[in-house]
């Protein structure tokens, strides 16, 4: 997650900066980039929503994995202790 997320975040921030630049330009010439800005902004919004959904799913998967790991550890730890006790008694 740490390797992929910053790259995606940087890509989104670069696009946001570009769209801000376009917005600043359109204040000078309102007819030149109006449609481009709307389409790019909607594209950016869709990408950001996908990013948030993916991040939410990833966090949920990590949480489920941690819970699964903890449950296994709770089951295995007593069994390992019992095996060690048996080995020491022999």
N, C-alpha and C. Protein backbone atom coordinates (compact mmCIF):
# COMPACT_ATOMS: atom_id res chain seq x y z
N UNK A 1 0.82 -1.19 0.00
CA UNK A 1 0.00 0.00 0.00
C UNK A 1 0.86 1.25 0.00
N UNK A 2 1.93 1.23 0.75
CA UNK A 2 2.75 2.42 0.86
C UNK A 2 3.46 2.74 -0.44
N UNK A 3 3.77 1.72 -1.25
CA UNK A 3 4.44 1.97 -2.51
C UNK A 3 3.51 2.44 -3.60
N UNK A 4 2.30 1.94 -3.60
CA UNK A 4 1.35 2.26 -4.67
C UNK A 4 0.61 3.56 -4.38
N UNK A 5 0.16 3.72 -3.15
CA UNK A 5 -0.68 4.86 -2.81
C UNK A 5 -0.01 6.21 -3.08
N UNK A 6 1.26 6.43 -2.69
CA UNK A 6 1.87 7.73 -2.98
C UNK A 6 1.97 8.02 -4.48
N UNK A 7 2.23 7.01 -5.30
CA UNK A 7 2.30 7.23 -6.74
C UNK A 7 0.96 7.70 -7.27
N UNK A 8 -0.11 7.03 -6.83
CA UNK A 8 -1.45 7.40 -7.28
C UNK A 8 -1.80 8.79 -6.75
N UNK A 9 -1.45 9.05 -5.49
CA UNK A 9 -1.71 10.35 -4.88
C UNK A 9 -0.98 11.45 -5.65
N UNK A 10 0.28 11.21 -6.01
CA UNK A 10 1.04 12.20 -6.77
C UNK A 10 0.42 12.45 -8.12
N UNK A 11 -0.06 11.40 -8.77
CA UNK A 11 -0.72 11.55 -10.05
C UNK A 11 -1.96 12.42 -9.92
N UNK A 12 -2.74 12.17 -8.88
CA UNK A 12 -3.95 12.98 -8.67
C UNK A 12 -3.60 14.43 -8.36
N UNK A 13 -2.59 14.65 -7.55
CA UNK A 13 -2.24 16.03 -7.21
C UNK A 13 -1.69 16.77 -8.42
N UNK A 14 -0.94 16.07 -9.29
CA UNK A 14 -0.45 16.71 -10.51
C UNK A 14 -1.62 17.12 -11.41
N UNK A 15 -2.61 16.24 -11.52
CA UNK A 15 -3.78 16.58 -12.33
C UNK A 15 -4.54 17.75 -11.72
N UNK A 16 -4.66 17.75 -10.40
CA UNK A 16 -5.36 18.85 -9.73
C UNK A 16 -4.65 20.18 -10.00
N UNK A 17 -3.33 20.17 -9.95
CA UNK A 17 -2.57 21.40 -10.24
C UNK A 17 -2.80 21.85 -11.68
N UNK A 18 -2.84 20.90 -12.59
CA UNK A 18 -3.09 21.23 -13.99
C UNK A 18 -4.48 21.84 -14.16
N UNK A 19 -5.45 21.25 -13.49
CA UNK A 19 -6.82 21.77 -13.60
C UNK A 19 -6.95 23.14 -12.95
N UNK A 20 -6.21 23.37 -11.87
CA UNK A 20 -6.20 24.72 -11.27
C UNK A 20 -5.62 25.73 -12.25
N UNK A 21 -4.55 25.31 -12.92
CA UNK A 21 -3.95 26.18 -13.93
C UNK A 21 -4.96 26.50 -15.02
N UNK A 22 -5.69 25.49 -15.49
CA UNK A 22 -6.72 25.72 -16.51
C UNK A 22 -7.81 26.66 -16.00
N UNK A 23 -8.19 26.50 -14.76
CA UNK A 23 -9.21 27.38 -14.18
C UNK A 23 -8.71 28.83 -14.15
N UNK A 24 -7.45 29.02 -13.79
CA UNK A 24 -6.90 30.37 -13.77
C UNK A 24 -6.87 30.97 -15.16
N UNK A 25 -6.56 30.15 -16.15
CA UNK A 25 -6.54 30.63 -17.53
C UNK A 25 -7.93 31.01 -18.01
N UNK A 26 -8.92 30.27 -17.60
CA UNK A 26 -10.28 30.54 -18.08
C UNK A 26 -10.84 31.82 -17.50
N UNK A 27 -10.31 32.26 -16.39
CA UNK A 27 -10.79 33.55 -15.88
C UNK A 27 -10.39 34.67 -16.83
N UNK A 28 -9.29 34.49 -17.55
CA UNK A 28 -8.87 35.47 -18.54
C UNK A 28 -9.69 35.34 -19.82
N UNK A 29 -9.96 34.11 -20.24
CA UNK A 29 -10.70 33.85 -21.47
C UNK A 29 -11.79 32.81 -21.17
N UNK A 30 -13.00 33.26 -20.80
CA UNK A 30 -14.02 32.34 -20.32
C UNK A 30 -14.51 31.31 -21.33
N UNK A 31 -14.36 31.52 -22.63
CA UNK A 31 -14.89 30.59 -23.62
C UNK A 31 -13.87 29.54 -24.07
N UNK A 32 -12.61 29.71 -23.76
CA UNK A 32 -11.57 28.87 -24.36
C UNK A 32 -11.54 27.43 -23.84
N UNK A 33 -11.60 27.24 -22.53
CA UNK A 33 -11.38 25.91 -21.96
C UNK A 33 -12.55 25.42 -21.12
N UNK A 34 -13.69 26.01 -21.24
CA UNK A 34 -14.82 25.68 -20.38
C UNK A 34 -15.19 24.21 -20.40
N UNK A 35 -15.38 23.65 -21.58
CA UNK A 35 -15.77 22.25 -21.70
C UNK A 35 -14.65 21.33 -21.22
N UNK A 36 -13.40 21.67 -21.57
CA UNK A 36 -12.27 20.85 -21.13
C UNK A 36 -12.19 20.78 -19.61
N UNK A 37 -12.40 21.91 -18.98
CA UNK A 37 -12.31 21.94 -17.51
C UNK A 37 -13.40 21.09 -16.89
N UNK A 38 -14.61 21.18 -17.42
CA UNK A 38 -15.71 20.39 -16.88
C UNK A 38 -15.43 18.90 -17.05
N UNK A 39 -14.98 18.50 -18.23
CA UNK A 39 -14.72 17.08 -18.46
C UNK A 39 -13.54 16.59 -17.61
N UNK A 40 -12.50 17.40 -17.51
CA UNK A 40 -11.34 16.99 -16.69
C UNK A 40 -11.70 16.95 -15.21
N UNK A 41 -12.51 17.87 -14.78
CA UNK A 41 -12.91 17.88 -13.37
C UNK A 41 -13.76 16.66 -13.05
N UNK A 42 -14.67 16.31 -13.95
CA UNK A 42 -15.48 15.12 -13.70
C UNK A 42 -14.62 13.86 -13.73
N UNK A 43 -13.63 13.82 -14.63
CA UNK A 43 -12.70 12.68 -14.67
C UNK A 43 -11.92 12.59 -13.38
N UNK A 44 -11.45 13.72 -12.88
CA UNK A 44 -10.69 13.75 -11.64
C UNK A 44 -11.57 13.30 -10.47
N UNK A 45 -12.81 13.75 -10.45
CA UNK A 45 -13.72 13.34 -9.39
C UNK A 45 -13.95 11.84 -9.41
N UNK A 46 -14.16 11.28 -10.59
CA UNK A 46 -14.35 9.83 -10.71
C UNK A 46 -13.11 9.07 -10.25
N UNK A 47 -11.94 9.54 -10.65
CA UNK A 47 -10.70 8.89 -10.23
C UNK A 47 -10.53 8.95 -8.71
N UNK A 48 -10.84 10.09 -8.15
CA UNK A 48 -10.68 10.26 -6.71
C UNK A 48 -11.68 9.37 -5.96
N UNK A 49 -12.91 9.27 -6.45
CA UNK A 49 -13.89 8.40 -5.82
C UNK A 49 -13.45 6.94 -5.91
N UNK A 50 -12.91 6.53 -7.06
CA UNK A 50 -12.37 5.18 -7.20
C UNK A 50 -11.22 4.95 -6.22
N UNK A 51 -10.37 5.94 -6.10
CA UNK A 51 -9.25 5.85 -5.16
C UNK A 51 -9.76 5.66 -3.74
N UNK A 52 -10.75 6.45 -3.34
CA UNK A 52 -11.29 6.33 -1.98
C UNK A 52 -11.95 4.97 -1.76
N UNK A 53 -12.67 4.48 -2.77
CA UNK A 53 -13.29 3.15 -2.65
C UNK A 53 -12.24 2.06 -2.53
N UNK A 54 -11.20 2.14 -3.35
CA UNK A 54 -10.12 1.15 -3.29
C UNK A 54 -9.40 1.20 -1.95
N UNK A 55 -9.18 2.40 -1.47
CA UNK A 55 -8.51 2.56 -0.19
C UNK A 55 -9.36 1.98 0.93
N UNK A 56 -10.66 2.23 0.88
CA UNK A 56 -11.56 1.70 1.89
C UNK A 56 -11.58 0.18 1.86
N UNK A 57 -11.63 -0.40 0.66
CA UNK A 57 -11.62 -1.86 0.53
C UNK A 57 -10.30 -2.45 1.02
N UNK A 58 -9.21 -1.77 0.72
CA UNK A 58 -7.90 -2.24 1.17
C UNK A 58 -7.80 -2.20 2.69
N UNK A 59 -8.27 -1.12 3.29
CA UNK A 59 -8.25 -1.02 4.75
C UNK A 59 -9.12 -2.11 5.38
N UNK A 60 -10.27 -2.39 4.76
CA UNK A 60 -11.14 -3.45 5.26
C UNK A 60 -10.46 -4.81 5.14
N UNK A 61 -9.78 -5.05 4.02
CA UNK A 61 -9.07 -6.31 3.82
C UNK A 61 -7.94 -6.47 4.84
N UNK A 62 -7.23 -5.40 5.09
CA UNK A 62 -6.15 -5.44 6.08
C UNK A 62 -6.71 -5.73 7.47
N UNK A 63 -7.82 -5.10 7.79
CA UNK A 63 -8.46 -5.33 9.09
C UNK A 63 -8.90 -6.78 9.21
N UNK A 64 -9.51 -7.32 8.16
CA UNK A 64 -9.94 -8.72 8.17
C UNK A 64 -8.76 -9.66 8.30
N UNK A 65 -7.66 -9.35 7.60
CA UNK A 65 -6.47 -10.19 7.69
C UNK A 65 -5.90 -10.17 9.10
N UNK A 66 -5.84 -9.00 9.71
CA UNK A 66 -5.31 -8.92 11.07
C UNK A 66 -6.18 -9.72 12.04
N UNK A 67 -7.50 -9.61 11.87
CA UNK A 67 -8.40 -10.36 12.73
C UNK A 67 -8.21 -11.87 12.53
N UNK A 68 -8.09 -12.29 11.29
CA UNK A 68 -7.87 -13.70 10.97
C UNK A 68 -6.56 -14.18 11.59
N UNK A 69 -5.51 -13.38 11.47
CA UNK A 69 -4.21 -13.72 12.02
C UNK A 69 -4.27 -13.83 13.54
N UNK A 70 -4.94 -12.89 14.17
CA UNK A 70 -5.08 -12.93 15.63
C UNK A 70 -5.87 -14.15 16.09
N UNK A 71 -6.93 -14.47 15.35
CA UNK A 71 -7.71 -15.65 15.71
C UNK A 71 -6.88 -16.92 15.59
N UNK A 72 -6.10 -17.04 14.53
CA UNK A 72 -5.22 -18.20 14.38
C UNK A 72 -4.19 -18.28 15.50
N UNK A 73 -3.63 -17.13 15.83
CA UNK A 73 -2.63 -17.09 16.90
C UNK A 73 -3.24 -17.54 18.22
N UNK A 74 -4.47 -17.12 18.49
CA UNK A 74 -5.14 -17.53 19.73
C UNK A 74 -5.40 -19.03 19.77
N UNK A 75 -5.63 -19.62 18.62
CA UNK A 75 -5.86 -21.06 18.55
C UNK A 75 -4.55 -21.83 18.66
N UNK A 76 -3.52 -21.36 17.97
CA UNK A 76 -2.26 -22.09 17.90
C UNK A 76 -1.39 -21.97 19.15
N UNK A 77 -1.43 -20.83 19.81
CA UNK A 77 -0.56 -20.62 20.96
C UNK A 77 -0.79 -21.67 22.06
N UNK A 78 -2.02 -21.91 22.47
CA UNK A 78 -2.21 -22.97 23.49
C UNK A 78 -1.78 -24.35 23.01
N UNK A 79 -2.00 -24.64 21.74
CA UNK A 79 -1.59 -25.94 21.21
C UNK A 79 -0.08 -26.08 21.23
N UNK A 80 0.63 -25.01 20.87
CA UNK A 80 2.10 -25.05 20.92
C UNK A 80 2.61 -25.22 22.34
N UNK A 81 1.98 -24.54 23.28
CA UNK A 81 2.38 -24.68 24.68
C UNK A 81 2.19 -26.12 25.16
N UNK A 82 1.07 -26.69 24.78
CA UNK A 82 0.81 -28.08 25.16
C UNK A 82 1.85 -29.03 24.57
N UNK A 83 2.21 -28.81 23.30
CA UNK A 83 3.24 -29.63 22.69
C UNK A 83 4.59 -29.48 23.38
N UNK A 84 4.92 -28.27 23.76
CA UNK A 84 6.19 -28.05 24.49
C UNK A 84 6.18 -28.75 25.81
N UNK A 85 5.06 -28.69 26.53
CA UNK A 85 4.95 -29.36 27.82
C UNK A 85 5.13 -30.87 27.66
N UNK A 86 4.49 -31.42 26.66
CA UNK A 86 4.62 -32.86 26.42
C UNK A 86 6.05 -33.24 26.09
N UNK A 87 6.69 -32.41 25.31
CA UNK A 87 8.08 -32.69 24.92
C UNK A 87 9.00 -32.61 26.13
N UNK A 88 8.78 -31.65 27.01
CA UNK A 88 9.61 -31.51 28.20
C UNK A 88 9.40 -32.66 29.19
N UNK A 89 8.18 -33.18 29.24
CA UNK A 89 7.91 -34.29 30.15
C UNK A 89 8.57 -35.57 29.70
N UNK A 90 8.79 -35.73 28.43
CA UNK A 90 9.40 -36.97 27.91
C UNK A 90 10.85 -36.99 28.16
